[in-house]
N, C-alpha and C. Protein backbone atom coordinates (compact mmCIF):
# COMPACT_ATOMS: atom_id res chain seq x y z
N MET A 1 -19.35 8.27 -11.61
CA MET A 1 -18.99 6.83 -12.13
C MET A 1 -18.86 6.58 -13.41
N ARG A 2 -17.59 5.75 -14.13
CA ARG A 2 -17.43 5.78 -15.23
C ARG A 2 -17.07 4.33 -15.54
N SER A 3 -17.65 3.52 -16.69
CA SER A 3 -17.34 2.46 -17.06
C SER A 3 -16.28 2.25 -18.27
N VAL A 4 -15.47 1.25 -18.12
CA VAL A 4 -14.88 0.99 -19.34
C VAL A 4 -14.91 -0.62 -19.76
N GLY A 5 -15.63 -0.74 -20.91
CA GLY A 5 -15.75 -2.04 -21.60
C GLY A 5 -16.88 -2.57 -20.60
N PHE A 6 -16.84 -3.82 -20.39
CA PHE A 6 -17.66 -4.52 -19.36
C PHE A 6 -17.77 -4.12 -17.85
N SER A 7 -16.92 -4.69 -16.78
CA SER A 7 -16.97 -4.36 -15.66
C SER A 7 -15.49 -3.56 -15.51
N ALA A 8 -14.66 -3.14 -16.25
CA ALA A 8 -13.37 -2.66 -15.85
C ALA A 8 -13.53 -1.33 -15.54
N MET A 9 -12.96 -0.94 -14.30
CA MET A 9 -13.04 0.67 -14.02
C MET A 9 -12.52 0.57 -12.41
N ILE A 10 -12.58 1.79 -12.07
CA ILE A 10 -12.40 2.29 -10.65
C ILE A 10 -13.52 3.02 -10.37
N THR A 11 -13.96 2.92 -9.61
CA THR A 11 -15.47 3.58 -8.97
C THR A 11 -15.02 4.10 -7.54
N THR A 12 -15.94 4.99 -7.04
CA THR A 12 -15.98 5.74 -6.22
C THR A 12 -16.38 4.84 -5.17
N LEU A 13 -16.15 4.67 -3.86
CA LEU A 13 -16.73 3.95 -2.86
C LEU A 13 -17.75 4.95 -1.94
N SER A 14 -18.78 4.53 -1.58
CA SER A 14 -19.58 5.46 -0.66
C SER A 14 -20.50 4.40 0.13
N PRO A 15 -21.08 4.44 1.46
CA PRO A 15 -20.44 5.73 2.22
C PRO A 15 -19.04 5.44 2.68
N MET A 16 -18.19 6.51 2.96
CA MET A 16 -16.88 6.76 3.42
C MET A 16 -16.96 7.42 4.59
N PRO A 17 -16.23 7.35 5.72
CA PRO A 17 -16.49 8.17 6.68
C PRO A 17 -15.80 9.40 6.42
N ALA A 18 -16.27 10.34 7.05
CA ALA A 18 -15.28 11.84 6.98
C ALA A 18 -14.22 12.15 6.94
N GLY A 19 -13.54 12.85 5.69
CA GLY A 19 -12.42 13.23 5.45
C GLY A 19 -11.53 11.76 5.04
N THR A 20 -12.18 10.97 4.45
CA THR A 20 -11.54 9.78 3.83
C THR A 20 -12.03 9.75 2.20
N LEU A 21 -11.15 9.01 1.52
CA LEU A 21 -11.33 8.81 0.05
C LEU A 21 -11.36 7.20 -0.06
N GLY A 22 -12.51 6.92 -0.75
CA GLY A 22 -12.50 5.28 -0.77
C GLY A 22 -12.73 4.97 -2.67
N PHE A 23 -11.99 4.03 -2.94
CA PHE A 23 -12.22 3.71 -4.31
C PHE A 23 -11.93 2.20 -4.56
N ARG A 24 -12.61 1.82 -5.52
CA ARG A 24 -12.85 -0.11 -5.86
C ARG A 24 -12.10 -0.13 -6.93
N ALA A 25 -11.19 -1.01 -7.86
CA ALA A 25 -10.87 -1.74 -9.08
C ALA A 25 -11.27 -2.80 -9.32
N SER A 26 -12.03 -2.95 -10.14
CA SER A 26 -12.24 -4.25 -10.81
C SER A 26 -12.12 -4.40 -12.40
N GLY A 27 -11.89 -5.34 -12.68
CA GLY A 27 -11.85 -5.69 -14.44
C GLY A 27 -10.37 -5.15 -14.49
N ARG A 28 -10.48 -4.87 -15.90
CA ARG A 28 -9.29 -4.35 -16.47
C ARG A 28 -9.07 -2.78 -16.21
N ILE A 29 -7.88 -2.61 -15.48
CA ILE A 29 -7.84 -0.76 -14.94
C ILE A 29 -7.03 -0.40 -16.02
N THR A 30 -7.40 0.77 -16.50
CA THR A 30 -6.64 1.54 -17.88
C THR A 30 -6.26 2.72 -16.97
N ALA A 31 -5.36 3.47 -18.09
CA ALA A 31 -4.76 5.00 -17.61
C ALA A 31 -5.81 5.91 -17.27
N GLU A 32 -7.02 5.71 -18.16
CA GLU A 32 -8.01 6.66 -18.08
C GLU A 32 -8.63 6.67 -16.56
N ASP A 33 -8.81 5.38 -16.15
CA ASP A 33 -9.35 5.06 -14.48
C ASP A 33 -8.83 6.09 -13.81
N TYR A 34 -7.62 6.12 -14.14
CA TYR A 34 -6.91 6.85 -13.11
C TYR A 34 -7.03 8.44 -13.28
N THR A 35 -7.00 8.66 -14.50
CA THR A 35 -6.98 10.32 -15.09
C THR A 35 -8.28 10.97 -14.58
N GLU A 36 -9.34 10.14 -14.59
CA GLU A 36 -10.88 10.59 -14.79
C GLU A 36 -11.46 10.22 -13.66
N VAL A 37 -10.89 9.38 -12.47
CA VAL A 37 -11.68 8.93 -11.44
C VAL A 37 -10.93 9.32 -10.18
N LEU A 38 -9.54 8.65 -9.98
CA LEU A 38 -8.82 8.64 -8.99
C LEU A 38 -7.98 9.89 -8.68
N GLU A 39 -7.19 10.37 -9.83
CA GLU A 39 -6.70 11.49 -9.66
C GLU A 39 -7.25 12.82 -9.31
N PRO A 40 -8.39 13.11 -10.07
CA PRO A 40 -9.12 14.22 -9.86
C PRO A 40 -9.45 14.45 -8.14
N ALA A 41 -9.79 13.35 -7.52
CA ALA A 41 -10.19 13.22 -6.16
C ALA A 41 -8.55 13.52 -5.38
N LEU A 42 -8.12 13.08 -5.50
CA LEU A 42 -6.69 13.13 -4.83
C LEU A 42 -6.18 14.53 -4.86
N ARG A 43 -6.18 14.99 -5.96
CA ARG A 43 -5.79 16.49 -6.38
C ARG A 43 -6.53 17.48 -5.72
N ALA A 44 -7.90 17.28 -5.76
CA ALA A 44 -8.71 18.05 -4.85
C ALA A 44 -8.49 18.35 -3.24
N ALA A 45 -8.44 16.80 -2.90
CA ALA A 45 -7.71 17.06 -1.52
C ALA A 45 -6.55 17.58 -0.91
N VAL A 46 -5.52 17.56 -2.21
CA VAL A 46 -4.21 18.14 -1.74
C VAL A 46 -4.37 19.48 -1.64
N ASP A 47 -4.96 20.17 -3.11
CA ASP A 47 -5.27 21.67 -3.13
C ASP A 47 -5.81 22.08 -2.29
N ALA A 48 -6.93 21.53 -1.54
CA ALA A 48 -7.56 21.86 -0.36
C ALA A 48 -6.80 22.06 1.23
N GLY A 49 -5.69 21.29 0.76
CA GLY A 49 -4.89 21.40 2.23
C GLY A 49 -5.17 19.89 2.92
N ARG A 50 -6.22 19.16 2.65
CA ARG A 50 -6.57 18.01 3.24
C ARG A 50 -5.81 16.70 3.15
N PRO A 51 -5.67 16.20 4.30
CA PRO A 51 -4.85 14.90 4.46
C PRO A 51 -5.51 14.05 3.72
N ILE A 52 -4.55 12.94 2.92
CA ILE A 52 -5.04 11.88 2.20
C ILE A 52 -5.22 10.59 3.23
N ARG A 53 -6.30 10.07 3.46
CA ARG A 53 -6.74 8.89 4.08
C ARG A 53 -7.50 8.18 3.14
N LEU A 54 -6.81 7.48 2.32
CA LEU A 54 -7.31 6.76 1.00
C LEU A 54 -7.56 4.91 1.17
N LEU A 55 -8.77 4.70 0.99
CA LEU A 55 -9.03 3.17 1.11
C LEU A 55 -9.20 2.74 -0.62
N PHE A 56 -8.37 1.75 -0.89
CA PHE A 56 -8.38 1.11 -2.32
C PHE A 56 -8.69 -0.15 -2.04
N GLU A 57 -9.78 -0.68 -2.56
CA GLU A 57 -10.30 -1.97 -2.56
C GLU A 57 -9.91 -2.43 -4.26
N LEU A 58 -9.50 -3.74 -4.13
CA LEU A 58 -9.13 -4.38 -5.37
C LEU A 58 -9.85 -5.78 -5.28
N ASP A 59 -11.09 -5.93 -5.96
CA ASP A 59 -11.56 -7.13 -6.50
C ASP A 59 -10.63 -8.30 -6.96
N ASP A 60 -10.57 -9.54 -6.82
CA ASP A 60 -10.26 -10.50 -6.92
C ASP A 60 -9.80 -10.27 -8.69
N ASP A 61 -10.62 -9.90 -9.54
CA ASP A 61 -10.25 -9.90 -10.93
C ASP A 61 -9.87 -8.48 -11.38
N ALA A 62 -9.36 -7.89 -10.58
CA ALA A 62 -8.64 -6.45 -11.24
C ALA A 62 -7.42 -6.90 -11.67
N ASP A 63 -7.23 -6.18 -12.76
CA ASP A 63 -5.97 -6.57 -13.81
C ASP A 63 -5.28 -5.21 -14.15
N TYR A 64 -4.32 -4.53 -14.04
CA TYR A 64 -3.82 -3.60 -14.33
C TYR A 64 -3.16 -3.45 -15.72
N SER A 65 -3.64 -2.76 -16.81
CA SER A 65 -3.19 -2.61 -17.96
C SER A 65 -1.73 -2.07 -18.00
N THR A 66 -0.90 -2.12 -18.94
CA THR A 66 0.52 -1.40 -18.93
C THR A 66 0.26 0.08 -18.88
N GLY A 67 -0.78 0.84 -19.21
CA GLY A 67 -0.95 2.05 -19.56
C GLY A 67 -1.56 2.74 -17.86
N ALA A 68 -2.11 1.65 -17.20
CA ALA A 68 -2.71 1.84 -15.75
C ALA A 68 -1.50 1.93 -14.86
N ALA A 69 -0.38 0.85 -15.18
CA ALA A 69 0.69 1.00 -14.33
C ALA A 69 1.60 2.14 -14.71
N TRP A 70 1.75 2.67 -15.69
CA TRP A 70 2.37 3.65 -15.98
C TRP A 70 1.88 4.90 -15.38
N GLN A 71 0.47 4.85 -15.37
CA GLN A 71 -0.27 6.31 -14.69
C GLN A 71 -0.08 6.13 -13.39
N ASP A 72 -0.13 4.88 -13.06
CA ASP A 72 0.27 4.72 -11.31
C ASP A 72 1.41 5.54 -10.92
N LEU A 73 2.62 5.27 -11.69
CA LEU A 73 3.70 5.80 -11.36
C LEU A 73 3.49 7.32 -11.45
N LYS A 74 3.17 7.80 -12.34
CA LYS A 74 3.01 9.22 -12.73
C LYS A 74 2.43 9.86 -11.55
N THR A 75 1.25 9.14 -11.47
CA THR A 75 0.30 9.50 -10.38
C THR A 75 1.38 9.97 -9.01
N GLY A 76 2.09 8.97 -8.74
CA GLY A 76 2.68 8.76 -7.42
C GLY A 76 3.83 10.27 -7.64
N ALA A 77 4.39 10.32 -8.78
CA ALA A 77 5.54 11.28 -9.01
C ALA A 77 4.79 12.64 -8.87
N THR A 78 3.44 13.01 -9.39
CA THR A 78 2.78 14.28 -9.41
C THR A 78 1.95 14.58 -7.86
N LEU A 79 1.77 13.34 -7.63
CA LEU A 79 0.68 13.58 -6.45
C LEU A 79 1.48 13.00 -5.10
N GLY A 80 2.15 12.19 -5.06
CA GLY A 80 2.87 11.21 -4.12
C GLY A 80 3.96 12.32 -3.43
N LEU A 81 5.10 11.89 -4.42
CA LEU A 81 6.35 12.75 -3.92
C LEU A 81 6.03 14.36 -3.40
N PRO A 82 5.66 15.29 -4.33
CA PRO A 82 5.87 16.46 -3.93
C PRO A 82 4.74 16.85 -2.76
N HIS A 83 3.94 15.89 -2.33
CA HIS A 83 3.29 16.25 -1.48
C HIS A 83 3.08 14.82 -0.12
N LEU A 84 4.27 14.37 0.03
CA LEU A 84 4.62 13.52 1.08
C LEU A 84 3.78 13.77 2.07
N SER A 85 3.78 14.97 2.87
CA SER A 85 3.19 15.17 4.35
C SER A 85 1.61 15.11 4.19
N ALA A 86 0.92 14.85 2.92
CA ALA A 86 -0.34 14.77 2.70
C ALA A 86 -0.79 13.47 2.97
N TRP A 87 -0.02 12.68 2.78
CA TRP A 87 -0.27 11.31 2.75
C TRP A 87 -0.18 10.67 4.17
N GLU A 88 -1.67 10.57 4.71
CA GLU A 88 -1.78 10.23 6.20
C GLU A 88 -1.90 8.72 6.27
N ARG A 89 -3.04 8.33 5.93
CA ARG A 89 -3.29 6.63 5.77
C ARG A 89 -3.45 5.78 4.38
N THR A 90 -3.14 4.93 4.15
CA THR A 90 -3.67 4.04 2.96
C THR A 90 -4.00 2.78 3.49
N ALA A 91 -5.08 2.34 3.44
CA ALA A 91 -5.60 1.03 3.60
C ALA A 91 -5.84 0.21 2.13
N ILE A 92 -5.39 -0.93 1.81
CA ILE A 92 -5.61 -1.89 0.73
C ILE A 92 -6.49 -2.74 1.14
N VAL A 93 -7.39 -3.09 0.46
CA VAL A 93 -8.68 -4.01 0.91
C VAL A 93 -8.66 -5.23 -0.20
N SER A 94 -8.24 -6.35 -0.01
CA SER A 94 -8.26 -7.43 -1.32
C SER A 94 -8.17 -8.56 -0.46
N ASP A 95 -8.70 -9.86 -1.26
CA ASP A 95 -8.66 -11.14 -0.77
C ASP A 95 -7.42 -11.54 -1.41
N ALA A 96 -7.03 -10.87 -2.60
CA ALA A 96 -5.82 -11.54 -3.54
C ALA A 96 -4.64 -11.64 -2.67
N ASP A 97 -4.11 -12.95 -2.73
CA ASP A 97 -2.74 -12.96 -2.13
C ASP A 97 -1.63 -11.94 -2.61
N TRP A 98 -1.52 -11.75 -3.58
CA TRP A 98 -0.59 -10.79 -4.18
C TRP A 98 -0.60 -9.59 -3.60
N VAL A 99 -1.61 -9.23 -3.14
CA VAL A 99 -1.85 -7.93 -2.70
C VAL A 99 -1.15 -7.92 -1.32
N GLU A 100 -1.37 -8.60 -0.60
CA GLU A 100 -0.63 -8.66 0.98
C GLU A 100 0.71 -8.90 0.57
N ARG A 101 1.39 -9.77 -0.19
CA ARG A 101 2.74 -9.86 -0.63
C ARG A 101 3.19 -8.47 -0.92
N THR A 102 2.68 -7.93 -2.16
CA THR A 102 3.16 -6.49 -2.38
C THR A 102 3.16 -5.45 -1.66
N SER A 103 2.16 -5.50 -0.64
CA SER A 103 2.02 -4.56 0.61
C SER A 103 3.20 -4.52 1.51
N GLN A 104 3.61 -5.87 1.70
CA GLN A 104 4.74 -6.27 2.78
C GLN A 104 5.81 -5.68 1.91
N MET A 105 6.21 -6.23 1.11
CA MET A 105 7.48 -6.00 0.10
C MET A 105 7.62 -4.54 0.00
N LEU A 106 6.67 -3.83 -0.65
CA LEU A 106 6.88 -2.39 -1.33
C LEU A 106 6.14 -1.28 -0.06
N GLY A 107 5.67 -1.52 0.76
CA GLY A 107 4.95 -0.48 1.76
C GLY A 107 5.75 0.20 2.20
N TRP A 108 7.17 0.12 2.29
CA TRP A 108 7.92 1.18 3.07
C TRP A 108 7.86 2.19 1.99
N MET A 109 7.75 2.08 0.51
CA MET A 109 7.85 3.25 -0.51
C MET A 109 6.45 4.12 -0.60
N MET A 110 5.75 3.66 0.31
CA MET A 110 4.29 4.48 0.30
C MET A 110 4.54 5.70 1.63
N PRO A 111 4.01 7.04 1.18
CA PRO A 111 4.01 7.90 2.30
C PRO A 111 3.04 7.56 3.07
N GLY A 112 3.14 8.17 4.42
CA GLY A 112 2.20 7.64 5.63
C GLY A 112 1.95 6.38 5.78
N GLU A 113 1.50 5.89 6.53
CA GLU A 113 1.25 4.58 7.29
C GLU A 113 0.17 3.75 6.30
N LEU A 114 0.75 2.57 5.98
CA LEU A 114 -0.29 1.28 4.93
C LEU A 114 -0.77 0.46 5.57
N ARG A 115 -1.87 0.09 5.79
CA ARG A 115 -2.12 -1.14 6.07
C ARG A 115 -3.15 -2.46 5.16
N SER A 116 -3.06 -3.28 5.10
CA SER A 116 -3.67 -4.24 4.12
C SER A 116 -4.96 -4.92 4.69
N TYR A 117 -5.83 -5.13 4.51
CA TYR A 117 -7.15 -5.98 5.08
C TYR A 117 -7.74 -6.76 4.19
N PRO A 118 -8.32 -7.60 4.52
CA PRO A 118 -9.37 -8.57 3.89
C PRO A 118 -10.55 -8.19 3.07
N THR A 119 -10.97 -8.40 2.29
CA THR A 119 -12.41 -7.86 2.09
C THR A 119 -13.22 -7.68 3.26
N ALA A 120 -13.42 -8.71 3.81
CA ALA A 120 -14.27 -8.96 5.15
C ALA A 120 -14.27 -8.09 6.27
N ALA A 121 -12.90 -7.15 6.19
CA ALA A 121 -12.61 -6.41 7.17
C ALA A 121 -12.67 -4.83 6.68
N ILE A 122 -13.45 -4.68 5.57
CA ILE A 122 -13.62 -3.31 5.26
C ILE A 122 -14.03 -2.27 5.79
N GLU A 123 -14.92 -2.65 7.02
CA GLU A 123 -15.24 -1.67 7.87
C GLU A 123 -13.96 -1.42 9.00
N ASP A 124 -13.41 -2.20 9.33
CA ASP A 124 -12.37 -1.88 10.02
C ASP A 124 -11.12 -1.19 9.49
N ALA A 125 -11.21 -1.37 8.15
CA ALA A 125 -9.98 -0.54 7.26
C ALA A 125 -10.60 1.09 7.36
N LYS A 126 -12.38 1.18 7.18
CA LYS A 126 -12.72 2.43 7.14
C LYS A 126 -12.48 3.41 8.47
N SER A 127 -12.64 2.40 9.55
CA SER A 127 -12.72 2.90 10.91
C SER A 127 -11.12 3.52 11.16
N TRP A 128 -10.29 2.74 10.69
CA TRP A 128 -8.70 2.75 10.94
C TRP A 128 -8.44 4.34 10.30
N LEU A 129 -8.67 4.26 8.80
CA LEU A 129 -8.57 5.54 8.32
C LEU A 129 -9.12 6.74 8.96
N ALA A 130 -10.43 6.56 9.64
CA ALA A 130 -11.25 7.70 10.10
C ALA A 130 -10.45 7.89 11.54
N GLY A 131 -9.60 7.06 12.08
CA GLY A 131 -8.89 7.40 13.07
C GLY A 131 -9.61 6.97 14.35
N ASP A 132 -10.51 6.00 14.27
CA ASP A 132 -11.37 5.34 15.26
C ASP A 132 -10.38 4.13 15.51
């Protein structure tokens, strides 16, 4: 787990159900958060031939820098598009209104299934990812 500045970071969530990946974004998110935390875990799953079942929790204070937004697009181009069949399920967990609206508007662009959950239902999101 790495910290950038005060509380800005992407951290690994645990415990997570077997076969799933979980991350929390809080504070100011940077490109380094992607390249040092998120991408290595996704790449390891893809390289091992494992399906990607991803939980991504966004705290209300999460704010993406321009570099993080750009890195998100690059991650999609290198780990998303070439490996579409690896992406099975993505759960977005947040109480921020914009997250639900964005998921509804742009969810069709995500490979695999996408669902959004309020923070209080994070255990439901984990169960869905695990296939329960």
